[in-house]
Amino acid sequence: MLGNKIASEPEIIKLTHSVAPGEKIKFNLTLKPPAAGTKIEKIYLLFWGNKAWLPSTEGKILMNVRRDNYAAAMSFSNLPEKIWAKDIIPGQIKFKNVGLKSWIVDKLKLKIFDSGYKSSLFKNFDWPDKDGSFKAISDLKEIKPDEEITFNFNLKAPTLPWLFKNIFKLEIEGVEKMVDAEAENFIQVEPDLKAGLTTHSFPHAMLNVWRPSVMLKFKNTGRKAWDKNLILKSFSSDNKTSPFYHSSWESSMIIEKLDGKVEPGQEVTFIFKLKAPSKANLYQHKFSLFQGNERVYINEKPELIFSTRVDSAQ
């Protein structure tokens, strides 16, 4: 608890117009914050004249104010929620001085960390050091309370797609304790090569004598075109030859190669045969797309997985 609870005189806010049954009423309140280190609790009730209060109308407002010598709050960020893998983007963050003392601009620096305060995976080649340690941008020599300071920097997205956490920490040389001088940000890294499964005819159950033709249709949801180097592969659950391998495939793990080109936003359909395993069981098999040596992420995942129950025909 900060300081003491401060008692205050009752205040009366009168209704200025009639309110019909079913209508709503709104009161505008002007609250004066207490002094630093104190706490105020206000209780509001609706009364009919000065005779009786209306049931179920009680409301509470608790104001708890603290001001530290050095305290900050992030007031602006232009960082996007999503970014393409390996892209470099300009970033800008502003911190507001919400403490009691001024900041010396030359002593300010911004550091950027990954989750757990590890080195950031968004480090660009132009960072002063592994954590950034960016200098503030200002023509002022000091940032007074309620003023802002700006930091500019470049971020380079990691290669692998993921939802990454960044920690932005404001530091002042010679000041050990600075309240709320950290801000978190999450950025989803999107792969250049990705696909969405739009439709398929993959069987959930089949007999062990079946040799069905199946269809997988993919949409290019990335930002790079697919060409003749696009390969559809299939594996077993342990990354070995698929239990549904058919002799018409290109090889034991490669089903088919793309014949043509698929631009972003376009679709491609693969039609191929399966050979059901002879042993009745529940089988899991994986499909993956590769553009040359680069993986194409399917539905935001590295692989597409199906499960099929195989029954004996006898």
C-alpha atoms as a PDB file:
ATOM      1  CA  MET A   1       0.000   0.000   0.000  1.00  0.00           C
ATOM      2  CA  LEU A   2       1.257   3.458  -0.861  1.00  0.00           C
ATOM      3  CA  GLY A   3       0.780   6.110   1.826  1.00  0.00           C
ATOM      4  CA  ASN A   4      -2.491   6.581   3.693  1.00  0.00           C
ATOM      5  CA  LYS A   5      -6.137   6.521   2.751  1.00  0.00           C
ATOM      6  CA  ILE A   6      -7.437  10.084   2.467  1.00  0.00           C
ATOM      7  CA  ALA A   7     -10.979  10.861   3.614  1.00  0.00           C
ATOM      8  CA  SER A   8     -12.973  13.418   1.629  1.00  0.00           C
ATOM      9  CA  GLU A   9     -16.236  15.303   2.050  1.00  0.00           C
ATOM     10  CA  PRO A  10     -19.323  13.906   0.274  1.00  0.00           C
ATOM     11  CA  GLU A  11     -19.992  15.469  -3.099  1.00  0.00           C
ATOM     12  CA  ILE A  12     -23.402  15.714  -4.723  1.00  0.00           C
ATOM     13  CA  ILE A  13     -24.015  15.576  -8.448  1.00  0.00           C
ATOM     14  CA  LYS A  14     -27.596  16.448  -9.344  1.00  0.00           C
ATOM     15  CA  LEU A  15     -29.514  15.160 -12.308  1.00  0.00           C
ATOM     16  CA  THR A  16     -30.372  17.966 -14.724  1.00  0.00           C
ATOM     17  CA  HIS A  17     -33.190  16.259 -16.645  1.00  0.00           C
ATOM     18  CA  SER A  18     -35.831  13.559 -16.316  1.00  0.00           C
ATOM     19  CA  VAL A  19     -35.062   9.925 -17.145  1.00  0.00           C
ATOM     20  CA  ALA A  20     -37.883   7.722 -18.400  1.00  0.00           C
ATOM     21  CA  PRO A  21     -38.128   3.986 -17.546  1.00  0.00           C
ATOM     22  CA  GLY A  22     -35.692   1.995 -19.723  1.00  0.00           C
ATOM     23  CA  GLU A  23     -33.460   4.998 -20.462  1.00  0.00           C
ATOM     24  CA  LYS A  24     -29.845   5.214 -19.369  1.00  0.00           C
ATOM     25  CA  ILE A  25     -28.219   7.935 -17.303  1.00  0.00           C
ATOM     26  CA  LYS A  26     -24.657   9.189 -17.457  1.00  0.00           C
ATOM     27  CA  PHE A  27     -22.793  11.379 -14.977  1.00  0.00           C
ATOM     28  CA  ASN A  28     -19.609  13.196 -15.949  1.00  0.00           C
ATOM     29  CA  LEU A  29     -17.095  13.238 -13.097  1.00  0.00           C
ATOM     30  CA  THR A  30     -14.029  15.410 -12.726  1.00  0.00           C
ATOM     31  CA  LEU A  31     -11.559  13.662 -10.434  1.00  0.00           C
ATOM     32  CA  LYS A  32      -8.549  15.335  -8.937  1.00  0.00           C
ATOM     33  CA  PRO A  33      -5.702  12.885  -8.382  1.00  0.00           C
ATOM     34  CA  PRO A  34      -4.283  12.753  -4.850  1.00  0.00           C
ATOM     35  CA  ALA A  35      -0.762  13.729  -3.976  1.00  0.00           C
ATOM     36  CA  ALA A  36       2.011  11.262  -4.759  1.00  0.00           C
ATOM     37  CA  GLY A  37       2.158   8.403  -2.295  1.00  0.00           C
ATOM     38  CA  THR A  38      -1.498   8.645  -1.243  1.00  0.00           C
ATOM     39  CA  LYS A  39      -4.628   6.667  -1.925  1.00  0.00           C
ATOM     40  CA  ILE A  40      -8.258   7.772  -2.351  1.00  0.00           C
ATOM     41  CA  GLU A  41     -11.324   5.576  -2.560  1.00  0.00           C
ATOM     42  CA  LYS A  42     -14.575   7.183  -3.711  1.00  0.00           C
ATOM     43  CA  ILE A  43     -17.943   5.472  -3.343  1.00  0.00           C
ATOM     44  CA  TYR A  44     -20.855   6.634  -5.499  1.00  0.00           C
ATOM     45  CA  LEU A  45     -24.544   5.910  -4.833  1.00  0.00           C
ATOM     46  CA  LEU A  46     -27.771   7.017  -6.465  1.00  0.00           C
ATOM     47  CA  PHE A  47     -30.176   8.742  -4.075  1.00  0.00           C
ATOM     48  CA  TRP A  48     -33.792   9.787  -4.491  1.00  0.00           C
ATOM     49  CA  GLY A  49     -33.647  13.317  -3.141  1.00  0.00           C
ATOM     50  CA  ASN A  50     -31.959  13.158   0.231  1.00  0.00           C
ATOM     51  CA  LYS A  51     -34.187  10.432   1.611  1.00  0.00           C
ATOM     52  CA  ALA A  52     -33.240   7.013   0.271  1.00  0.00           C
ATOM     53  CA  TRP A  53     -30.597   5.368  -1.903  1.00  0.00           C
ATOM     54  CA  LEU A  54     -31.449   3.191  -4.882  1.00  0.00           C
ATOM     55  CA  PRO A  55     -30.410  -0.489  -4.477  1.00  0.00           C
ATOM     56  CA  SER A  56     -27.631  -2.011  -6.607  1.00  0.00           C
ATOM     57  CA  THR A  57     -26.235   1.382  -7.665  1.00  0.00           C
ATOM     58  CA  GLU A  58     -23.050   1.433  -5.605  1.00  0.00           C
ATOM     59  CA  GLY A  59     -19.798   2.039  -7.474  1.00  0.00           C
ATOM     60  CA  LYS A  60     -16.224   2.496  -6.319  1.00  0.00           C
ATOM     61  CA  ILE A  61     -13.258   4.374  -7.799  1.00  0.00           C
ATOM     62  CA  LEU A  62      -9.830   3.776  -6.308  1.00  0.00           C
ATOM     63  CA  MET A  63      -7.025   6.229  -7.084  1.00  0.00           C
ATOM     64  CA  ASN A  64      -3.555   5.126  -6.061  1.00  0.00           C
ATOM     65  CA  VAL A  65      -0.810   7.534  -7.093  1.00  0.00           C
ATOM     66  CA  ARG A  66       2.933   7.089  -6.971  1.00  0.00           C
ATOM     67  CA  ARG A  67       5.657   9.179  -8.549  1.00  0.00           C
ATOM     68  CA  ASP A  68       9.229   7.994  -8.630  1.00  0.00           C
ATOM     69  CA  ASN A  69      12.291  10.064  -9.345  1.00  0.00           C
ATOM     70  CA  TYR A  70      12.936   8.083 -12.529  1.00  0.00           C
ATOM     71  CA  ALA A  71      10.002   6.462 -14.284  1.00  0.00           C
ATOM     72  CA  ALA A  72       9.033   5.945 -17.923  1.00  0.00           C
ATOM     73  CA  ALA A  73       6.133   4.792 -20.073  1.00  0.00           C
ATOM     74  CA  MET A  74       6.262   3.837 -23.742  1.00  0.00           C
ATOM     75  CA  SER A  75       4.021   6.365 -25.490  1.00  0.00           C
ATOM     76  CA  PHE A  76       4.445   5.378 -29.172  1.00  0.00           C
ATOM     77  CA  SER A  77       5.542   2.471 -31.346  1.00  0.00           C
ATOM     78  CA  ASN A  78       5.332   2.048 -35.118  1.00  0.00           C
ATOM     79  CA  LEU A  79       6.264  -1.642 -35.068  1.00  0.00           C
ATOM     80  CA  PRO A  80       3.976  -3.887 -37.156  1.00  0.00           C
ATOM     81  CA  GLU A  81       2.221  -6.999 -35.930  1.00  0.00           C
ATOM     82  CA  LYS A  82       3.569  -9.001 -38.895  1.00  0.00           C
ATOM     83  CA  ILE A  83       6.733  -8.894 -40.979  1.00  0.00           C
ATOM     84  CA  TRP A  84       8.124 -11.025 -43.805  1.00  0.00           C
ATOM     85  CA  ALA A  85      11.110 -13.237 -43.000  1.00  0.00           C
ATOM     86  CA  LYS A  86      14.522 -11.573 -43.553  1.00  0.00           C
ATOM     87  CA  ASP A  87      12.937  -8.157 -44.194  1.00  0.00           C
ATOM     88  CA  ILE A  88      14.531  -5.033 -42.708  1.00  0.00           C
ATOM     89  CA  ILE A  89      12.100  -2.452 -41.331  1.00  0.00           C
ATOM     90  CA  PRO A  90      12.646   0.951 -39.686  1.00  0.00           C
ATOM     91  CA  GLY A  91      11.374   1.106 -36.126  1.00  0.00           C
ATOM     92  CA  GLN A  92      10.577   4.018 -33.860  1.00  0.00           C
ATOM     93  CA  ILE A  93       9.702   4.030 -30.172  1.00  0.00           C
ATOM     94  CA  LYS A  94       8.960   6.924 -27.846  1.00  0.00           C
ATOM     95  CA  PHE A  95       9.160   6.961 -24.062  1.00  0.00           C
ATOM     96  CA  LYS A  96       7.487   9.536 -21.860  1.00  0.00           C
ATOM     97  CA  ASN A  97       9.121  10.796 -18.684  1.00  0.00           C
ATOM     98  CA  VAL A  98       6.535  10.107 -15.974  1.00  0.00           C
ATOM     99  CA  GLY A  99       8.965  10.563 -13.085  1.00  0.00           C
ATOM    100  CA  LEU A 100       9.874  13.565 -10.987  1.00  0.00           C
ATOM    101  CA  LYS A 101      13.372  14.197 -12.331  1.00  0.00           C
ATOM    102  CA  SER A 102      14.626  15.175 -15.766  1.00  0.00           C
ATOM    103  CA  TRP A 103      16.602  12.811 -18.019  1.00  0.00           C
ATOM    104  CA  ILE A 104      19.973  13.827 -19.440  1.00  0.00           C
ATOM    105  CA  VAL A 105      19.691  13.005 -23.146  1.00  0.00           C
ATOM    106  CA  ASP A 106      23.353  12.020 -23.597  1.00  0.00           C
ATOM    107  CA  LYS A 107      22.952   9.431 -20.833  1.00  0.00           C
ATOM    108  CA  LEU A 108      19.921   7.721 -22.351  1.00  0.00           C
ATOM    109  CA  LYS A 109      20.101   4.526 -24.387  1.00  0.00           C
ATOM    110  CA  LEU A 110      17.604   1.939 -25.621  1.00  0.00           C
ATOM    111  CA  LYS A 111      18.392  -1.779 -25.537  1.00  0.00           C
ATOM    112  CA  ILE A 112      16.468  -4.522 -27.351  1.00  0.00           C
ATOM    113  CA  PHE A 113      16.305  -8.101 -26.101  1.00  0.00           C
ATOM    114  CA  ASP A 114      14.658 -11.352 -27.044  1.00  0.00           C
ATOM    115  CA  SER A 115      12.447 -13.249 -24.579  1.00  0.00           C
ATOM    116  CA  GLY A 116      14.374 -14.018 -21.399  1.00  0.00           C
ATOM    117  CA  TYR A 117      16.691 -11.042 -22.039  1.00  0.00           C
ATOM    118  CA  LYS A 118      18.680 -13.013 -24.596  1.00  0.00           C
ATOM    119  CA  SER A 119      20.249 -11.293 -27.580  1.00  0.00           C
ATOM    120  CA  SER A 120      17.559 -10.092 -29.958  1.00  0.00           C
ATOM    121  CA  LEU A 121      16.886 -12.209 -33.046  1.00  0.00           C
ATOM    122  CA  PHE A 122      15.993  -8.988 -34.888  1.00  0.00           C
ATOM    123  CA  LYS A 123      19.534  -7.580 -34.718  1.00  0.00           C
ATOM    124  CA  ASN A 124      20.496  -5.670 -37.870  1.00  0.00           C
ATOM    125  CA  PHE A 125      24.035  -5.161 -39.136  1.00  0.00           C
ATOM    126  CA  ASP A 126      23.965  -1.444 -38.225  1.00  0.00           C
ATOM    127  CA  TRP A 127      23.313  -1.928 -34.489  1.00  0.00           C
ATOM    128  CA  PRO A 128      26.002  -0.361 -32.265  1.00  0.00           C
ATOM    129  CA  ASP A 129      26.271  -3.599 -30.251  1.00  0.00           C
ATOM    130  CA  LYS A 130      24.461  -6.910 -29.784  1.00  0.00           C
ATOM    131  CA  ASP A 131      21.731  -5.291 -27.645  1.00  0.00           C
ATOM    132  CA  GLY A 132      21.386  -2.126 -29.696  1.00  0.00           C
ATOM    133  CA  SER A 133      22.294   0.510 -27.091  1.00  0.00           C
ATOM    134  CA  PHE A 134      20.687   3.142 -29.337  1.00  0.00           C
ATOM    135  CA  LYS A 135      21.183   6.820 -28.571  1.00  0.00           C
ATOM    136  CA  ALA A 136      18.213   9.115 -28.221  1.00  0.00           C
ATOM    137  CA  ILE A 137      17.201  11.561 -30.945  1.00  0.00           C
ATOM    138  CA  SER A 138      16.612  15.036 -29.562  1.00  0.00           C
ATOM    139  CA  ASP A 139      17.826  18.612 -29.892  1.00  0.00           C
ATOM    140  CA  LEU A 140      17.262  19.021 -26.167  1.00  0.00           C
ATOM    141  CA  LYS A 141      19.864  18.428 -23.512  1.00  0.00           C
ATOM    142  CA  GLU A 142      17.354  17.044 -21.052  1.00  0.00           C
ATOM    143  CA  ILE A 143      13.870  15.545 -21.065  1.00  0.00           C
ATOM    144  CA  LYS A 144      11.713  17.066 -18.372  1.00  0.00           C
ATOM    145  CA  PRO A 145       8.773  15.304 -16.673  1.00  0.00           C
ATOM    146  CA  ASP A 146       5.848  14.722 -19.093  1.00  0.00           C
ATOM    147  CA  GLU A 147       8.119  15.186 -22.129  1.00  0.00           C
ATOM    148  CA  GLU A 148       8.982  12.452 -24.659  1.00  0.00           C
ATOM    149  CA  ILE A 149      12.177  11.036 -26.138  1.00  0.00           C
ATOM    150  CA  THR A 150      12.454   9.256 -29.514  1.00  0.00           C
ATOM    151  CA  PHE A 151      14.586   6.281 -30.556  1.00  0.00           C
ATOM    152  CA  ASN A 152      15.014   5.117 -34.174  1.00  0.00           C
ATOM    153  CA  PHE A 153      16.472   1.757 -35.210  1.00  0.00           C
ATOM    154  CA  ASN A 154      16.292  -0.974 -37.853  1.00  0.00           C
ATOM    155  CA  LEU A 155      15.012  -4.492 -37.267  1.00  0.00           C
ATOM    156  CA  LYS A 156      15.893  -7.473 -39.454  1.00  0.00           C
ATOM    157  CA  ALA A 157      13.382 -10.300 -39.240  1.00  0.00           C
ATOM    158  CA  PRO A 158      14.628 -13.826 -38.509  1.00  0.00           C
ATOM    159  CA  THR A 159      14.580 -16.486 -41.208  1.00  0.00           C
ATOM    160  CA  LEU A 160      12.216 -18.885 -39.471  1.00  0.00           C
ATOM    161  CA  PRO A 161       8.520 -18.013 -39.077  1.00  0.00           C
ATOM    162  CA  TRP A 162       7.337 -17.621 -35.496  1.00  0.00           C
ATOM    163  CA  LEU A 163       5.685 -15.236 -33.048  1.00  0.00           C
ATOM    164  CA  PHE A 164       8.655 -13.439 -31.499  1.00  0.00           C
ATOM    165  CA  LYS A 165       8.781 -11.347 -28.351  1.00  0.00           C
ATOM    166  CA  ASN A 166      10.940  -8.220 -28.141  1.00  0.00           C
ATOM    167  CA  ILE A 167      11.776  -6.388 -24.925  1.00  0.00           C
ATOM    168  CA  PHE A 168      12.640  -2.681 -25.181  1.00  0.00           C
ATOM    169  CA  LYS A 169      14.523  -1.375 -22.165  1.00  0.00           C
ATOM    170  CA  LEU A 170      15.284   2.281 -21.522  1.00  0.00           C
ATOM    171  CA  GLU A 171      18.385   2.924 -19.440  1.00  0.00           C
ATOM    172  CA  ILE A 172      19.984   6.027 -17.941  1.00  0.00           C
ATOM    173  CA  GLU A 173      23.691   5.962 -17.257  1.00  0.00           C
ATOM    174  CA  GLY A 174      24.282   6.174 -13.524  1.00  0.00           C
ATOM    175  CA  VAL A 175      20.657   5.439 -12.575  1.00  0.00           C
ATOM    176  CA  GLU A 176      20.110   1.971 -11.149  1.00  0.00           C
ATOM    177  CA  LYS A 177      16.352   2.113 -10.587  1.00  0.00           C
ATOM    178  CA  MET A 178      14.009   3.313 -13.299  1.00  0.00           C
ATOM    179  CA  VAL A 179      10.354   2.335 -12.905  1.00  0.00           C
ATOM    180  CA  ASP A 180       8.422   0.867 -15.865  1.00  0.00           C
ATOM    181  CA  ALA A 181      11.312   1.486 -18.240  1.00  0.00           C
ATOM    182  CA  GLU A 182      10.567  -1.682 -20.228  1.00  0.00           C
ATOM    183  CA  ALA A 183       8.012  -2.398 -22.932  1.00  0.00           C
ATOM    184  CA  GLU A 184       7.150  -5.650 -24.696  1.00  0.00           C
ATOM    185  CA  ASN A 185       6.234  -6.182 -28.326  1.00  0.00           C
ATOM    186  CA  PHE A 186       5.217  -9.276 -30.300  1.00  0.00           C
ATOM    187  CA  ILE A 187       5.894  -9.642 -34.023  1.00  0.00           C
ATOM    188  CA  GLN A 188       4.718 -12.516 -36.213  1.00  0.00           C
ATOM    189  CA  VAL A 189       7.352 -13.398 -38.819  1.00  0.00           C
ATOM    190  CA  GLU A 190       5.798 -14.673 -42.031  1.00  0.00           C
ATOM    191  CA  PRO A 191       7.744 -16.955 -44.435  1.00  0.00           C
ATOM    192  CA  ASP A 192       8.333 -15.834 -48.029  1.00  0.00           C
ATOM    193  CA  LEU A 193       7.147 -19.233 -49.191  1.00  0.00           C
ATOM    194  CA  LYS A 194       3.842 -20.404 -47.790  1.00  0.00           C
ATOM    195  CA  ALA A 195       0.738 -22.191 -48.961  1.00  0.00           C
ATOM    196  CA  GLY A 196      -2.829 -22.727 -47.897  1.00  0.00           C
ATOM    197  CA  LEU A 197      -4.590 -26.042 -48.456  1.00  0.00           C
ATOM    198  CA  THR A 198      -7.828 -24.983 -50.147  1.00  0.00           C
ATOM    199  CA  THR A 199      -9.368 -28.416 -50.777  1.00  0.00           C
ATOM    200  CA  HIS A 200      -8.466 -32.108 -50.848  1.00  0.00           C
ATOM    201  CA  SER A 201      -9.959 -35.578 -51.389  1.00  0.00           C
ATOM    202  CA  PHE A 202      -7.715 -37.449 -48.997  1.00  0.00           C
ATOM    203  CA  PRO A 203      -9.539 -40.466 -47.490  1.00  0.00           C
ATOM    204  CA  HIS A 204      -9.932 -40.814 -43.751  1.00  0.00           C
ATOM    205  CA  ALA A 205     -10.554 -44.554 -44.144  1.00  0.00           C
ATOM    206  CA  MET A 206      -9.804 -47.121 -46.854  1.00  0.00           C
ATOM    207  CA  LEU A 207      -9.438 -50.841 -47.460  1.00  0.00           C
ATOM    208  CA  ASN A 208      -6.010 -52.398 -47.844  1.00  0.00           C
ATOM    209  CA  VAL A 209      -6.733 -53.323 -51.471  1.00  0.00           C
ATOM    210  CA  TRP A 210      -7.561 -49.809 -52.592  1.00  0.00           C
ATOM    211  CA  ARG A 211      -5.450 -47.779 -55.048  1.00  0.00           C
ATOM    212  CA  PRO A 212      -7.326 -44.471 -55.070  1.00  0.00           C
ATOM    213  CA  SER A 213      -6.466 -41.248 -56.871  1.00  0.00           C
ATOM    214  CA  VAL A 214      -6.429 -38.281 -54.518  1.00  0.00           C
ATOM    215  CA  MET A 215      -6.218 -34.544 -54.958  1.00  0.00           C
ATOM    216  CA  LEU A 216      -4.496 -31.780 -52.995  1.00  0.00           C
ATOM    217  CA  LYS A 217      -5.076 -28.150 -54.014  1.00  0.00           C
ATOM    218  CA  PHE A 218      -2.810 -25.425 -52.658  1.00  0.00           C
ATOM    219  CA  LYS A 219      -2.974 -21.644 -52.880  1.00  0.00           C
ATOM    220  CA  ASN A 220       0.237 -19.616 -52.964  1.00  0.00           C
ATOM    221  CA  THR A 221      -0.243 -17.342 -49.927  1.00  0.00           C
ATOM    222  CA  GLY A 222       3.373 -16.158 -49.786  1.00  0.00           C
ATOM    223  CA  ARG A 223       5.084 -13.378 -51.697  1.00  0.00           C
ATOM    224  CA  LYS A 224       7.271 -15.478 -54.019  1.00  0.00           C
ATOM    225  CA  ALA A 225       6.237 -17.425 -57.107  1.00  0.00           C
ATOM    226  CA  TRP A 226       6.544 -21.212 -57.340  1.00  0.00           C
ATOM    227  CA  ASP A 227       8.148 -22.748 -60.421  1.00  0.00           C
ATOM    228  CA  LYS A 228       9.318 -26.111 -61.743  1.00  0.00           C
ATOM    229  CA  ASN A 229      11.502 -26.490 -58.657  1.00  0.00           C
ATOM    230  CA  LEU A 230       8.405 -26.910 -56.477  1.00  0.00           C
ATOM    231  CA  ILE A 231       8.231 -30.478 -55.157  1.00  0.00           C
ATOM    232  CA  LEU A 232       5.446 -32.292 -53.280  1.00  0.00           C
ATOM    233  CA  LYS A 233       6.894 -34.835 -50.871  1.00  0.00           C
ATOM    234  CA  SER A 234       5.347 -37.501 -48.674  1.00  0.00           C
ATOM    235  CA  PHE A 235       6.746 -39.249 -45.582  1.00  0.00           C
ATOM    236  CA  SER A 236       5.717 -41.642 -42.882  1.00  0.00           C
ATOM    237  CA  SER A 237       5.268 -40.415 -39.317  1.00  0.00           C
ATOM    238  CA  ASP A 238       8.933 -41.249 -38.628  1.00  0.00           C
ATOM    239  CA  ASN A 239      10.142 -39.447 -41.790  1.00  0.00           C
ATOM    240  CA  LYS A 240      10.684 -42.613 -43.790  1.00  0.00           C
ATOM    241  CA  THR A 241       9.012 -43.826 -46.990  1.00  0.00           C
ATOM    242  CA  SER A 242       5.272 -43.206 -46.885  1.00  0.00           C
ATOM    243  CA  PRO A 243       3.174 -46.325 -46.149  1.00  0.00           C
ATOM    244  CA  PHE A 244       0.975 -45.149 -49.043  1.00  0.00           C
ATOM    245  CA  TYR A 245       3.800 -45.027 -51.602  1.00  0.00           C
ATOM    246  CA  HIS A 246       2.692 -45.775 -55.164  1.00  0.00           C
ATOM    247  CA  SER A 247       4.981 -46.789 -58.020  1.00  0.00           C
ATOM    248  CA  SER A 248       3.711 -43.855 -60.127  1.00  0.00           C
ATOM    249  CA  TRP A 249       5.476 -41.384 -57.834  1.00  0.00           C
ATOM    250  CA  GLU A 250       8.707 -39.688 -58.900  1.00  0.00           C
ATOM    251  CA  SER A 251      10.581 -41.511 -56.124  1.00  0.00           C
ATOM    252  CA  SER A 252       9.979 -43.112 -52.747  1.00  0.00           C
ATOM    253  CA  MET A 253       9.469 -39.710 -51.102  1.00  0.00           C
ATOM    254  CA  ILE A 254       8.798 -37.322 -54.010  1.00  0.00           C
ATOM    255  CA  ILE A 255       5.283 -37.511 -55.395  1.00  0.00           C
ATOM    256  CA  GLU A 256       5.375 -34.904 -58.130  1.00  0.00           C
ATOM    257  CA  LYS A 257       7.082 -31.740 -59.390  1.00  0.00           C
ATOM    258  CA  LEU A 258       5.282 -28.615 -60.506  1.00  0.00           C
ATOM    259  CA  ASP A 259       4.785 -28.241 -64.230  1.00  0.00           C
ATOM    260  CA  GLY A 260       4.630 -24.494 -64.770  1.00  0.00           C
ATOM    261  CA  LYS A 261       4.560 -21.439 -62.517  1.00  0.00           C
ATOM    262  CA  VAL A 262       2.241 -20.342 -59.698  1.00  0.00           C
ATOM    263  CA  GLU A 263       2.240 -16.662 -58.741  1.00  0.00           C
ATOM    264  CA  PRO A 264       1.162 -15.429 -55.298  1.00  0.00           C
ATOM    265  CA  GLY A 265      -2.625 -15.679 -55.050  1.00  0.00           C
ATOM    266  CA  GLN A 266      -2.859 -18.470 -57.638  1.00  0.00           C
ATOM    267  CA  GLU A 267      -3.608 -22.158 -57.013  1.00  0.00           C
ATOM    268  CA  VAL A 268      -2.141 -25.473 -58.109  1.00  0.00           C
ATOM    269  CA  THR A 269      -3.668 -28.952 -57.967  1.00  0.00           C
ATOM    270  CA  PHE A 270      -1.746 -32.190 -57.473  1.00  0.00           C
ATOM    271  CA  ILE A 271      -3.499 -35.450 -58.421  1.00  0.00           C
ATOM    272  CA  PHE A 272      -1.740 -38.710 -57.586  1.00  0.00           C
ATOM    273  CA  LYS A 273      -2.341 -42.312 -56.583  1.00  0.00           C
ATOM    274  CA  LEU A 274      -2.027 -44.011 -53.217  1.00  0.00           C
ATOM    275  CA  LYS A 275      -1.379 -47.661 -52.481  1.00  0.00           C
ATOM    276  CA  ALA A 276      -2.961 -48.723 -49.208  1.00  0.00           C
ATOM    277  CA  PRO A 277      -0.738 -50.666 -46.799  1.00  0.00           C
ATOM    278  CA  SER A 278      -1.539 -54.360 -46.533  1.00  0.00           C
ATOM    279  CA  LYS A 279      -1.700 -54.310 -42.723  1.00  0.00           C
ATOM    280  CA  ALA A 280      -4.824 -52.906 -41.110  1.00  0.00           C
ATOM    281  CA  ASN A 281      -3.949 -50.021 -38.822  1.00  0.00           C
ATOM    282  CA  LEU A 282      -4.279 -46.277 -38.246  1.00  0.00           C
ATOM    283  CA  TYR A 283      -1.583 -44.550 -40.268  1.00  0.00           C
ATOM    284  CA  GLN A 284      -0.283 -41.013 -40.074  1.00  0.00           C
ATOM    285  CA  HIS A 285       1.472 -39.586 -43.095  1.00  0.00           C
ATOM    286  CA  LYS A 286       3.002 -36.210 -43.778  1.00  0.00           C
ATOM    287  CA  PHE A 287       3.156 -34.020 -46.854  1.00  0.00           C
ATOM    288  CA  SER A 288       5.535 -31.139 -47.453  1.00  0.00           C
ATOM    289  CA  LEU A 289       6.254 -28.641 -50.211  1.00  0.00           C
ATOM    290  CA  PHE A 290       9.735 -27.466 -51.160  1.00  0.00           C
ATOM    291  CA  GLN A 291      10.724 -24.747 -53.609  1.00  0.00           C
ATOM    292  CA  GLY A 292      14.200 -26.020 -54.394  1.00  0.00           C
ATOM    293  CA  ASN A 293      15.857 -26.380 -50.997  1.00  0.00           C
ATOM    294  CA  GLU A 294      13.487 -23.940 -49.266  1.00  0.00           C
ATOM    295  CA  ARG A 295      10.502 -25.194 -47.333  1.00  0.00           C
ATOM    296  CA  VAL A 296       7.050 -23.930 -48.215  1.00  0.00           C
ATOM    297  CA  TYR A 297       4.981 -23.620 -45.030  1.00  0.00           C
ATOM    298  CA  ILE A 298       1.508 -25.130 -45.353  1.00  0.00           C
ATOM    299  CA  ASN A 299      -1.260 -23.566 -43.268  1.00  0.00           C
ATOM    300  CA  GLU A 300       1.453 -21.824 -41.198  1.00  0.00           C
ATOM    301  CA  LYS A 301       3.087 -25.194 -40.393  1.00  0.00           C
ATOM    302  CA  PRO A 302       6.137 -27.022 -41.809  1.00  0.00           C
ATOM    303  CA  GLU A 303       4.087 -30.054 -42.843  1.00  0.00           C
ATOM    304  CA  LEU A 304       0.579 -31.190 -43.673  1.00  0.00           C
ATOM    305  CA  ILE A 305      -0.458 -34.262 -41.668  1.00  0.00           C
ATOM    306  CA  PHE A 306      -3.280 -36.691 -42.405  1.00  0.00           C
ATOM    307  CA  SER A 307      -4.437 -39.755 -40.510  1.00  0.00           C
ATOM    308  CA  THR A 308      -6.104 -42.649 -42.363  1.00  0.00           C
ATOM    309  CA  ARG A 309      -7.557 -45.850 -40.985  1.00  0.00           C
ATOM    310  CA  VAL A 310      -6.832 -48.889 -43.158  1.00  0.00           C
ATOM    311  CA  ASP A 311      -9.138 -51.892 -42.804  1.00  0.00           C
ATOM    312  CA  SER A 312      -8.653 -55.393 -44.140  1.00  0.00           C
ATOM    313  CA  ALA A 313     -10.786 -56.327 -47.133  1.00  0.00           C
ATOM    314  CA  GLN A 314     -11.140 -59.897 -45.811  1.00  0.00           C
END
